[in-house]
Amino acid sequence: MIPFDFEYYKPETVEEAVNLFNKLKTIGKKPIYYGGGTEFISMARMHNVYTEGVIDIKGIPECNIHQLRNNELIIGSAVTLTNIAELNLFPLLSLTVKRIADHTIQGKITLGGNLAATIIYREAILPLLVTDSEIVIAGIDGNKRVPLREVFDKQIQLTEGEMIVKVIIDNQFLSLPYIHVKRTKNEKIDYPLITIAALKNNNNINIAFSGLCEYPFRSSLIEDILNDNLISIDERINTAINNIPSQILNDISGSSEYRKFILNTMLHETLNKFEVIS
């Protein structure tokens, strides 16, 4: 049970949602945008989040789009992980989201909710990072379509009142050779020790990671190292591990040294599979 009262709104357009957010903010209330609500509900029950106005975006058509159009795959922020997996228009993304939580929860978690979550893993962003995807963000000044890499710095940088409307993936990436590798401490659906999502694009590997640091990331330096065919696979992997962009996690799921060991194995698996694909 959520231990506080709040007003509930279900706008029918992006403009209505954004205006409503700003109206509530202006009169001194603290609103939030609401998609699947899994994080909000669990955090509210633990007294870790509070709001006076819930703006449910699931009734907005733009946030529910999931289709190929004009050589692009467009996925709205209110589309659930289950829907993404079942429609399977982008196999790497579908495979990634199938490994987030269990089947029941996947039917509640939305793409936008996972991307903007406070939880550190946010695995759904990995396929979007390796495909140089774009994101549409709405705010009081209208919509803007920007490359994801320009607004992603450890997390998606949204100003107060902005909301994710949809993500856009170029068709050229949808059928490329791909690999998804996830290691967990216990169960298949557990939080990741490490998750890797990778594509092979023009003989170069695009690769992104979750669970390794306190945020998901794609590193051009690591990609340059892994794509250097003039040195051995072992040397590439060891050099890449020594250039992780932040401190490697050390928690109850696994020590930093254990994660390095697992990462070494996962990178060997990834590079060897792509060698076979070549």
C-alpha atoms as a PDB file:
ATOM      1  CA  MET A   1       0.000   0.000   0.000  1.00  0.00           C
ATOM      2  CA  ILE A   2       1.269   3.469  -0.898  1.00  0.00           C
ATOM      3  CA  PRO A   3       1.445   5.485   2.338  1.00  0.00           C
ATOM      4  CA  PHE A   4       0.297   8.853   0.952  1.00  0.00           C
ATOM      5  CA  ASP A   5      -2.503  10.339  -1.138  1.00  0.00           C
ATOM      6  CA  PHE A   6      -2.021  11.782  -4.608  1.00  0.00           C
ATOM      7  CA  GLU A   7      -4.053  13.049  -7.536  1.00  0.00           C
ATOM      8  CA  TYR A   8      -4.212  10.879 -10.655  1.00  0.00           C
ATOM      9  CA  TYR A   9      -4.312  12.223 -14.214  1.00  0.00           C
ATOM     10  CA  LYS A  10      -4.361  10.444 -17.570  1.00  0.00           C
ATOM     11  CA  PRO A  11      -3.730  12.958 -20.379  1.00  0.00           C
ATOM     12  CA  GLU A  12      -4.394  12.069 -24.014  1.00  0.00           C
ATOM     13  CA  THR A  13      -1.590  14.085 -25.638  1.00  0.00           C
ATOM     14  CA  VAL A  14       2.039  14.875 -24.939  1.00  0.00           C
ATOM     15  CA  GLU A  15       1.239  18.595 -24.782  1.00  0.00           C
ATOM     16  CA  GLU A  16      -1.487  17.983 -22.206  1.00  0.00           C
ATOM     17  CA  ALA A  17       0.875  15.920 -20.067  1.00  0.00           C
ATOM     18  CA  VAL A  18       3.648  18.510 -20.134  1.00  0.00           C
ATOM     19  CA  ASN A  19       1.283  21.411 -19.454  1.00  0.00           C
ATOM     20  CA  LEU A  20      -0.286  19.496 -16.606  1.00  0.00           C
ATOM     21  CA  PHE A  21       3.103  18.826 -15.053  1.00  0.00           C
ATOM     22  CA  ASN A  22       4.014  22.502 -15.176  1.00  0.00           C
ATOM     23  CA  LYS A  23       0.604  23.601 -13.893  1.00  0.00           C
ATOM     24  CA  LEU A  24       0.895  21.314 -10.867  1.00  0.00           C
ATOM     25  CA  LYS A  25       4.438  22.468 -10.252  1.00  0.00           C
ATOM     26  CA  THR A  26       3.346  26.117 -10.448  1.00  0.00           C
ATOM     27  CA  ILE A  27       0.737  25.675  -7.704  1.00  0.00           C
ATOM     28  CA  GLY A  28       3.287  24.048  -5.412  1.00  0.00           C
ATOM     29  CA  LYS A  29       2.559  20.380  -6.024  1.00  0.00           C
ATOM     30  CA  LYS A  30       5.160  17.767  -6.852  1.00  0.00           C
ATOM     31  CA  PRO A  31       4.084  15.740  -9.919  1.00  0.00           C
ATOM     32  CA  ILE A  32       5.682  12.755 -11.642  1.00  0.00           C
ATOM     33  CA  TYR A  33       5.204  11.065 -14.994  1.00  0.00           C
ATOM     34  CA  TYR A  34       4.002   7.494 -14.688  1.00  0.00           C
ATOM     35  CA  GLY A  35       4.387   4.631 -17.150  1.00  0.00           C
ATOM     36  CA  GLY A  36       4.489   1.088 -15.815  1.00  0.00           C
ATOM     37  CA  GLY A  37       4.877   2.299 -12.260  1.00  0.00           C
ATOM     38  CA  THR A  38       6.946  -0.615 -10.961  1.00  0.00           C
ATOM     39  CA  GLU A  39       9.718   1.568  -9.543  1.00  0.00           C
ATOM     40  CA  PHE A  40       7.351   4.245  -8.241  1.00  0.00           C
ATOM     41  CA  ILE A  41       5.154   1.758  -6.394  1.00  0.00           C
ATOM     42  CA  SER A  42       8.029  -0.150  -4.807  1.00  0.00           C
ATOM     43  CA  MET A  43       9.877   3.023  -3.789  1.00  0.00           C
ATOM     44  CA  ALA A  44       6.720   4.701  -2.491  1.00  0.00           C
ATOM     45  CA  ARG A  45       5.988   1.716  -0.270  1.00  0.00           C
ATOM     46  CA  MET A  46       9.500   2.053   1.166  1.00  0.00           C
ATOM     47  CA  HIS A  47       9.014   5.832   1.714  1.00  0.00           C
ATOM     48  CA  ASN A  48      11.777   6.567  -0.815  1.00  0.00           C
ATOM     49  CA  VAL A  49       9.656   8.662  -3.167  1.00  0.00           C
ATOM     50  CA  TYR A  50       6.766  11.071  -2.746  1.00  0.00           C
ATOM     51  CA  THR A  51       4.411  12.788  -5.168  1.00  0.00           C
ATOM     52  CA  GLU A  52       1.190  14.760  -5.057  1.00  0.00           C
ATOM     53  CA  GLY A  53       0.246  14.175  -8.685  1.00  0.00           C
ATOM     54  CA  VAL A  54       0.670  11.116 -10.914  1.00  0.00           C
ATOM     55  CA  ILE A  55       0.533  11.840 -14.655  1.00  0.00           C
ATOM     56  CA  ASP A  56      -0.113   8.525 -16.408  1.00  0.00           C
ATOM     57  CA  ILE A  57       1.274   8.651 -19.963  1.00  0.00           C
ATOM     58  CA  LYS A  58      -0.094   5.284 -21.106  1.00  0.00           C
ATOM     59  CA  GLY A  59      -3.084   6.959 -22.787  1.00  0.00           C
ATOM     60  CA  ILE A  60      -0.907   9.011 -25.138  1.00  0.00           C
ATOM     61  CA  PRO A  61      -0.762   7.511 -28.665  1.00  0.00           C
ATOM     62  CA  GLU A  62       2.781   8.776 -29.363  1.00  0.00           C
ATOM     63  CA  CYS A  63       4.036   6.975 -26.267  1.00  0.00           C
ATOM     64  CA  ASN A  64       2.479   3.685 -27.417  1.00  0.00           C
ATOM     65  CA  ILE A  65       3.732   3.559 -30.996  1.00  0.00           C
ATOM     66  CA  HIS A  66       5.743   0.464 -31.919  1.00  0.00           C
ATOM     67  CA  GLN A  67       6.318   0.223 -35.641  1.00  0.00           C
ATOM     68  CA  LEU A  68       8.685   0.418 -38.583  1.00  0.00           C
ATOM     69  CA  ARG A  69       8.243   3.639 -40.511  1.00  0.00           C
ATOM     70  CA  ASN A  70      10.417   5.532 -42.991  1.00  0.00           C
ATOM     71  CA  ASN A  71      13.384   3.195 -42.477  1.00  0.00           C
ATOM     72  CA  GLU A  72      13.233   3.623 -38.699  1.00  0.00           C
ATOM     73  CA  LEU A  73      11.964   1.586 -35.795  1.00  0.00           C
ATOM     74  CA  ILE A  74       9.974   3.815 -33.442  1.00  0.00           C
ATOM     75  CA  ILE A  75       9.166   2.611 -29.934  1.00  0.00           C
ATOM     76  CA  GLY A  76       7.108   4.741 -27.551  1.00  0.00           C
ATOM     77  CA  SER A  77       8.134   5.206 -23.955  1.00  0.00           C
ATOM     78  CA  ALA A  78       4.949   3.529 -22.656  1.00  0.00           C
ATOM     79  CA  VAL A  79       5.521   0.310 -24.623  1.00  0.00           C
ATOM     80  CA  THR A  80       6.101  -2.598 -22.245  1.00  0.00           C
ATOM     81  CA  LEU A  81       9.080  -4.919 -22.273  1.00  0.00           C
ATOM     82  CA  THR A  82       6.700  -7.793 -23.005  1.00  0.00           C
ATOM     83  CA  ASN A  83       5.394  -6.035 -26.105  1.00  0.00           C
ATOM     84  CA  ILE A  84       8.930  -5.346 -27.322  1.00  0.00           C
ATOM     85  CA  ALA A  85       9.941  -8.978 -26.825  1.00  0.00           C
ATOM     86  CA  GLU A  86       6.842 -10.414 -28.482  1.00  0.00           C
ATOM     87  CA  LEU A  87       6.844  -8.162 -31.536  1.00  0.00           C
ATOM     88  CA  ASN A  88      10.604  -8.697 -31.888  1.00  0.00           C
ATOM     89  CA  LEU A  89      11.286  -5.989 -34.449  1.00  0.00           C
ATOM     90  CA  PHE A  90      14.785  -5.500 -33.019  1.00  0.00           C
ATOM     91  CA  PRO A  91      16.113  -8.904 -31.882  1.00  0.00           C
ATOM     92  CA  LEU A  92      18.957  -7.574 -29.723  1.00  0.00           C
ATOM     93  CA  LEU A  93      16.588  -5.324 -27.785  1.00  0.00           C
ATOM     94  CA  SER A  94      14.017  -8.117 -27.520  1.00  0.00           C
ATOM     95  CA  LEU A  95      16.603 -10.528 -26.123  1.00  0.00           C
ATOM     96  CA  THR A  96      17.880  -7.929 -23.675  1.00  0.00           C
ATOM     97  CA  VAL A  97      14.472  -7.059 -22.228  1.00  0.00           C
ATOM     98  CA  LYS A  98      13.529 -10.748 -21.900  1.00  0.00           C
ATOM     99  CA  ARG A  99      16.245 -10.985 -19.262  1.00  0.00           C
ATOM    100  CA  ILE A 100      15.002  -8.009 -17.214  1.00  0.00           C
ATOM    101  CA  ALA A 101      12.884  -9.125 -14.230  1.00  0.00           C
ATOM    102  CA  ASP A 102      10.370 -11.973 -14.604  1.00  0.00           C
ATOM    103  CA  HIS A 103       7.671 -12.433 -17.226  1.00  0.00           C
ATOM    104  CA  THR A 104       4.926 -10.924 -15.051  1.00  0.00           C
ATOM    105  CA  ILE A 105       6.893  -7.782 -14.248  1.00  0.00           C
ATOM    106  CA  GLN A 106       8.002  -7.403 -17.875  1.00  0.00           C
ATOM    107  CA  GLY A 107       4.354  -6.806 -18.719  1.00  0.00           C
ATOM    108  CA  LYS A 108       4.370  -3.756 -16.449  1.00  0.00           C
ATOM    109  CA  ILE A 109       7.811  -2.249 -16.990  1.00  0.00           C
ATOM    110  CA  THR A 110       7.860   0.231 -19.871  1.00  0.00           C
ATOM    111  CA  LEU A 111      10.777   1.143 -22.087  1.00  0.00           C
ATOM    112  CA  GLY A 112      10.762   4.738 -20.865  1.00  0.00           C
ATOM    113  CA  GLY A 113      10.493   3.601 -17.271  1.00  0.00           C
ATOM    114  CA  ASN A 114      13.565   1.401 -17.597  1.00  0.00           C
ATOM    115  CA  LEU A 115      15.579   4.084 -19.392  1.00  0.00           C
ATOM    116  CA  ALA A 116      14.793   6.771 -16.810  1.00  0.00           C
ATOM    117  CA  ALA A 117      14.900   4.523 -13.747  1.00  0.00           C
ATOM    118  CA  THR A 118      17.015   5.321 -10.728  1.00  0.00           C
ATOM    119  CA  ILE A 119      18.138   1.699 -10.488  1.00  0.00           C
ATOM    120  CA  ILE A 120      21.710   1.511 -11.776  1.00  0.00           C
ATOM    121  CA  TYR A 121      21.350  -1.261 -14.365  1.00  0.00           C
ATOM    122  CA  ARG A 122      18.829   0.084 -16.916  1.00  0.00           C
ATOM    123  CA  GLU A 123      19.742  -2.737 -19.315  1.00  0.00           C
ATOM    124  CA  ALA A 124      17.269  -1.711 -22.019  1.00  0.00           C
ATOM    125  CA  ILE A 125      19.521   1.208 -22.890  1.00  0.00           C
ATOM    126  CA  LEU A 126      22.391  -1.022 -24.023  1.00  0.00           C
ATOM    127  CA  PRO A 127      20.976  -1.918 -27.483  1.00  0.00           C
ATOM    128  CA  LEU A 128      20.068   1.746 -27.955  1.00  0.00           C
ATOM    129  CA  LEU A 129      23.608   2.876 -27.170  1.00  0.00           C
ATOM    130  CA  VAL A 130      25.231   0.466 -29.628  1.00  0.00           C
ATOM    131  CA  THR A 131      22.866   1.518 -32.430  1.00  0.00           C
ATOM    132  CA  ASP A 132      23.428   5.281 -32.033  1.00  0.00           C
ATOM    133  CA  SER A 133      19.711   5.636 -31.439  1.00  0.00           C
ATOM    134  CA  GLU A 134      17.827   8.885 -31.099  1.00  0.00           C
ATOM    135  CA  ILE A 135      15.346   9.920 -28.443  1.00  0.00           C
ATOM    136  CA  VAL A 136      12.399  12.292 -28.511  1.00  0.00           C
ATOM    137  CA  ILE A 137      11.994  14.365 -25.348  1.00  0.00           C
ATOM    138  CA  ALA A 138       9.042  16.650 -24.659  1.00  0.00           C
ATOM    139  CA  GLY A 139       9.098  19.716 -22.468  1.00  0.00           C
ATOM    140  CA  ILE A 140       7.343  23.023 -22.025  1.00  0.00           C
ATOM    141  CA  ASP A 141       9.123  24.385 -25.127  1.00  0.00           C
ATOM    142  CA  GLY A 142       7.998  21.479 -27.321  1.00  0.00           C
ATOM    143  CA  ASN A 143       9.565  18.266 -28.586  1.00  0.00           C
ATOM    144  CA  LYS A 144      13.200  17.716 -29.449  1.00  0.00           C
ATOM    145  CA  ARG A 145      14.730  14.774 -31.286  1.00  0.00           C
ATOM    146  CA  VAL A 146      18.339  14.261 -30.290  1.00  0.00           C
ATOM    147  CA  PRO A 147      20.987  11.538 -30.449  1.00  0.00           C
ATOM    148  CA  LEU A 148      20.816   9.477 -27.276  1.00  0.00           C
ATOM    149  CA  ARG A 149      24.551   9.930 -26.722  1.00  0.00           C
ATOM    150  CA  GLU A 150      24.049  13.705 -26.421  1.00  0.00           C
ATOM    151  CA  VAL A 151      21.638  13.406 -23.490  1.00  0.00           C
ATOM    152  CA  PHE A 152      23.075  10.308 -21.827  1.00  0.00           C
ATOM    153  CA  ASP A 153      25.753  10.867 -19.224  1.00  0.00           C
ATOM    154  CA  LYS A 154      25.524   7.968 -16.749  1.00  0.00           C
ATOM    155  CA  GLN A 155      21.774   8.505 -17.023  1.00  0.00           C
ATOM    156  CA  ILE A 156      19.419  10.304 -19.389  1.00  0.00           C
ATOM    157  CA  GLN A 157      19.642  13.990 -18.565  1.00  0.00           C
ATOM    158  CA  LEU A 158      16.107  15.330 -18.296  1.00  0.00           C
ATOM    159  CA  THR A 159      15.266  18.726 -16.893  1.00  0.00           C
ATOM    160  CA  GLU A 160      12.317  18.968 -14.519  1.00  0.00           C
ATOM    161  CA  GLY A 161       9.078  18.636 -16.437  1.00  0.00           C
ATOM    162  CA  GLU A 162      10.578  16.828 -19.423  1.00  0.00           C
ATOM    163  CA  MET A 163       9.398  13.360 -20.435  1.00  0.00           C
ATOM    164  CA  ILE A 164      10.642  10.667 -22.811  1.00  0.00           C
ATOM    165  CA  VAL A 165       8.192  10.270 -25.687  1.00  0.00           C
ATOM    166  CA  LYS A 166       9.863   7.630 -27.864  1.00  0.00           C
ATOM    167  CA  VAL A 167      13.134   6.209 -29.127  1.00  0.00           C
ATOM    168  CA  ILE A 168      14.132   5.883 -32.775  1.00  0.00           C
ATOM    169  CA  ILE A 169      16.465   3.236 -34.187  1.00  0.00           C
ATOM    170  CA  ASP A 170      17.751   3.253 -37.755  1.00  0.00           C
ATOM    171  CA  ASN A 171      16.716   0.150 -39.715  1.00  0.00           C
ATOM    172  CA  GLN A 172      20.311  -0.566 -40.735  1.00  0.00           C
ATOM    173  CA  PHE A 173      21.059  -1.832 -37.221  1.00  0.00           C
ATOM    174  CA  LEU A 174      18.101  -4.165 -36.832  1.00  0.00           C
ATOM    175  CA  SER A 175      19.490  -7.093 -38.809  1.00  0.00           C
ATOM    176  CA  LEU A 176      23.195  -6.833 -37.935  1.00  0.00           C
ATOM    177  CA  PRO A 177      24.929  -9.749 -36.170  1.00  0.00           C
ATOM    178  CA  TYR A 178      24.457  -9.330 -32.428  1.00  0.00           C
ATOM    179  CA  ILE A 179      25.372 -10.863 -29.095  1.00  0.00           C
ATOM    180  CA  HIS A 180      23.770 -10.537 -25.671  1.00  0.00           C
ATOM    181  CA  VAL A 181      25.547 -12.067 -22.693  1.00  0.00           C
ATOM    182  CA  LYS A 182      24.330 -11.776 -19.102  1.00  0.00           C
ATOM    183  CA  ARG A 183      25.797 -13.203 -15.942  1.00  0.00           C
ATOM    184  CA  THR A 184      23.966 -13.154 -12.609  1.00  0.00           C
ATOM    185  CA  LYS A 185      24.827 -14.294  -9.111  1.00  0.00           C
ATOM    186  CA  ASN A 186      21.876 -16.620  -8.693  1.00  0.00           C
ATOM    187  CA  GLU A 187      18.757 -16.795 -10.833  1.00  0.00           C
ATOM    188  CA  LYS A 188      18.297 -16.145 -14.529  1.00  0.00           C
ATOM    189  CA  ILE A 189      16.203 -13.037 -13.788  1.00  0.00           C
ATOM    190  CA  ASP A 190      18.471 -11.650 -11.066  1.00  0.00           C
ATOM    191  CA  TYR A 191      20.149  -8.261 -11.353  1.00  0.00           C
ATOM    192  CA  PRO A 192      23.233  -8.580 -13.531  1.00  0.00           C
ATOM    193  CA  LEU A 193      26.748  -9.088 -12.357  1.00  0.00           C
ATOM    194  CA  ILE A 194      27.474  -7.929 -15.894  1.00  0.00           C
ATOM    195  CA  THR A 195      25.390  -7.616 -19.045  1.00  0.00           C
ATOM    196  CA  ILE A 196      26.921  -7.103 -22.489  1.00  0.00           C
ATOM    197  CA  ALA A 197      25.040  -6.101 -25.623  1.00  0.00           C
ATOM    198  CA  ALA A 198      27.028  -5.906 -28.834  1.00  0.00           C
ATOM    199  CA  LEU A 199      26.613  -5.537 -32.593  1.00  0.00           C
ATOM    200  CA  LYS A 200      29.025  -6.113 -35.438  1.00  0.00           C
ATOM    201  CA  ASN A 201      28.794  -3.136 -37.778  1.00  0.00           C
ATOM    202  CA  ASN A 202      31.094  -3.006 -40.835  1.00  0.00           C
ATOM    203  CA  ASN A 203      33.464  -5.454 -39.130  1.00  0.00           C
ATOM    204  CA  ASN A 204      33.634  -3.248 -36.043  1.00  0.00           C
ATOM    205  CA  ILE A 205      32.163  -4.233 -32.704  1.00  0.00           C
ATOM    206  CA  ASN A 206      29.827  -1.779 -30.971  1.00  0.00           C
ATOM    207  CA  ILE A 207      29.544  -2.846 -27.331  1.00  0.00           C
ATOM    208  CA  ALA A 208      27.850  -1.591 -24.160  1.00  0.00           C
ATOM    209  CA  PHE A 209      27.866  -2.780 -20.557  1.00  0.00           C
ATOM    210  CA  SER A 210      25.619  -2.840 -17.498  1.00  0.00           C
ATOM    211  CA  GLY A 211      26.335  -4.056 -13.961  1.00  0.00           C
ATOM    212  CA  LEU A 212      30.056  -3.414 -14.302  1.00  0.00           C
ATOM    213  CA  CYS A 213      29.990   0.155 -12.950  1.00  0.00           C
ATOM    214  CA  GLU A 214      27.350   2.259 -11.205  1.00  0.00           C
ATOM    215  CA  TYR A 215      25.819   3.120 -14.579  1.00  0.00           C
ATOM    216  CA  PRO A 216      25.483   1.512 -18.025  1.00  0.00           C
ATOM    217  CA  PHE A 217      27.984   2.721 -20.582  1.00  0.00           C
ATOM    218  CA  ARG A 218      29.445   2.472 -24.067  1.00  0.00           C
ATOM    219  CA  SER A 219      33.098   3.459 -24.420  1.00  0.00           C
ATOM    220  CA  SER A 220      34.717   4.429 -27.727  1.00  0.00           C
ATOM    221  CA  LEU A 221      38.129   3.732 -26.188  1.00  0.00           C
ATOM    222  CA  ILE A 222      37.162   0.181 -25.245  1.00  0.00           C
ATOM    223  CA  GLU A 223      35.697  -0.358 -28.711  1.00  0.00           C
ATOM    224  CA  ASP A 224      38.913   0.866 -30.349  1.00  0.00           C
ATOM    225  CA  ILE A 225      40.902  -1.571 -28.221  1.00  0.00           C
ATOM    226  CA  LEU A 226      38.630  -4.549 -28.907  1.00  0.00           C
ATOM    227  CA  ASN A 227      38.592  -3.790 -32.646  1.00  0.00           C
ATOM    228  CA  ASP A 228      42.383  -3.649 -32.956  1.00  0.00           C
ATOM    229  CA  ASN A 229      43.062  -6.838 -34.892  1.00  0.00           C
ATOM    230  CA  LEU A 230      46.794  -6.215 -34.874  1.00  0.00           C
ATOM    231  CA  ILE A 231      47.046  -7.514 -31.314  1.00  0.00           C
ATOM    232  CA  SER A 232      45.913 -10.788 -29.797  1.00  0.00           C
ATOM    233  CA  ILE A 233      42.466 -11.290 -28.315  1.00  0.00           C
ATOM    234  CA  ASP A 234      43.993 -11.798 -24.849  1.00  0.00           C
ATOM    235  CA  GLU A 235      45.907  -8.534 -25.071  1.00  0.00           C
ATOM    236  CA  ARG A 236      42.844  -6.663 -26.349  1.00  0.00           C
ATOM    237  CA  ILE A 237      40.700  -7.958 -23.513  1.00  0.00           C
ATOM    238  CA  ASN A 238      43.252  -7.250 -20.780  1.00  0.00           C
ATOM    239  CA  THR A 239      43.792  -3.719 -22.103  1.00  0.00           C
ATOM    240  CA  ALA A 240      40.046  -3.122 -22.337  1.00  0.00           C
ATOM    241  CA  ILE A 241      39.509  -4.253 -18.742  1.00  0.00           C
ATOM    242  CA  ASN A 242      42.259  -1.881 -17.615  1.00  0.00           C
ATOM    243  CA  ASN A 243      40.396   0.989 -19.301  1.00  0.00           C
ATOM    244  CA  ILE A 244      36.956   0.602 -17.738  1.00  0.00           C
ATOM    245  CA  PRO A 245      35.796   4.251 -17.400  1.00  0.00           C
ATOM    246  CA  SER A 246      34.827   4.101 -13.728  1.00  0.00           C
ATOM    247  CA  GLN A 247      35.302   2.073 -10.579  1.00  0.00           C
ATOM    248  CA  ILE A 248      34.121  -1.499 -10.969  1.00  0.00           C
ATOM    249  CA  LEU A 249      31.283  -2.396  -8.610  1.00  0.00           C
ATOM    250  CA  ASN A 250      32.131  -4.230  -5.410  1.00  0.00           C
ATOM    251  CA  ASP A 251      28.940  -5.357  -3.666  1.00  0.00           C
ATOM    252  CA  ILE A 252      27.068  -8.357  -2.281  1.00  0.00           C
ATOM    253  CA  SER A 253      26.498  -9.683  -5.786  1.00  0.00           C
ATOM    254  CA  GLY A 254      30.201  -9.867  -6.518  1.00  0.00           C
ATOM    255  CA  SER A 255      33.542  -8.275  -5.761  1.00  0.00           C
ATOM    256  CA  SER A 256      35.288  -6.053  -8.274  1.00  0.00           C
ATOM    257  CA  GLU A 257      37.921  -8.752  -8.809  1.00  0.00           C
ATOM    258  CA  TYR A 258      35.237 -11.353  -9.460  1.00  0.00           C
ATOM    259  CA  ARG A 259      33.554  -9.020 -11.933  1.00  0.00           C
ATOM    260  CA  LYS A 260      36.880  -8.577 -13.739  1.00  0.00           C
ATOM    261  CA  PHE A 261      37.204 -12.346 -13.961  1.00  0.00           C
ATOM    262  CA  ILE A 262      33.654 -12.711 -15.301  1.00  0.00           C
ATOM    263  CA  LEU A 263      34.184  -9.828 -17.737  1.00  0.00           C
ATOM    264  CA  ASN A 264      37.310 -11.480 -19.112  1.00  0.00           C
ATOM    265  CA  THR A 265      35.318 -14.646 -19.838  1.00  0.00           C
ATOM    266  CA  MET A 266      32.398 -12.718 -21.342  1.00  0.00           C
ATOM    267  CA  LEU A 267      34.627 -10.690 -23.650  1.00  0.00           C
ATOM    268  CA  HIS A 268      36.333 -13.862 -24.865  1.00  0.00           C
ATOM    269  CA  GLU A 269      32.901 -15.331 -25.564  1.00  0.00           C
ATOM    270  CA  THR A 270      31.821 -12.195 -27.410  1.00  0.00           C
ATOM    271  CA  LEU A 271      34.939 -11.801 -29.555  1.00  0.00           C
ATOM    272  CA  ASN A 272      35.112 -15.494 -30.395  1.00  0.00           C
ATOM    273  CA  LYS A 273      31.476 -15.551 -31.497  1.00  0.00           C
ATOM    274  CA  PHE A 274      31.998 -12.535 -33.708  1.00  0.00           C
ATOM    275  CA  GLU A 275      35.111 -14.176 -35.194  1.00  0.00           C
ATOM    276  CA  VAL A 276      32.930 -17.123 -36.214  1.00  0.00           C
ATOM    277  CA  ILE A 277      30.323 -14.754 -37.679  1.00  0.00           C
ATOM    278  CA  SER A 278      33.054 -13.176 -39.822  1.00  0.00           C
END
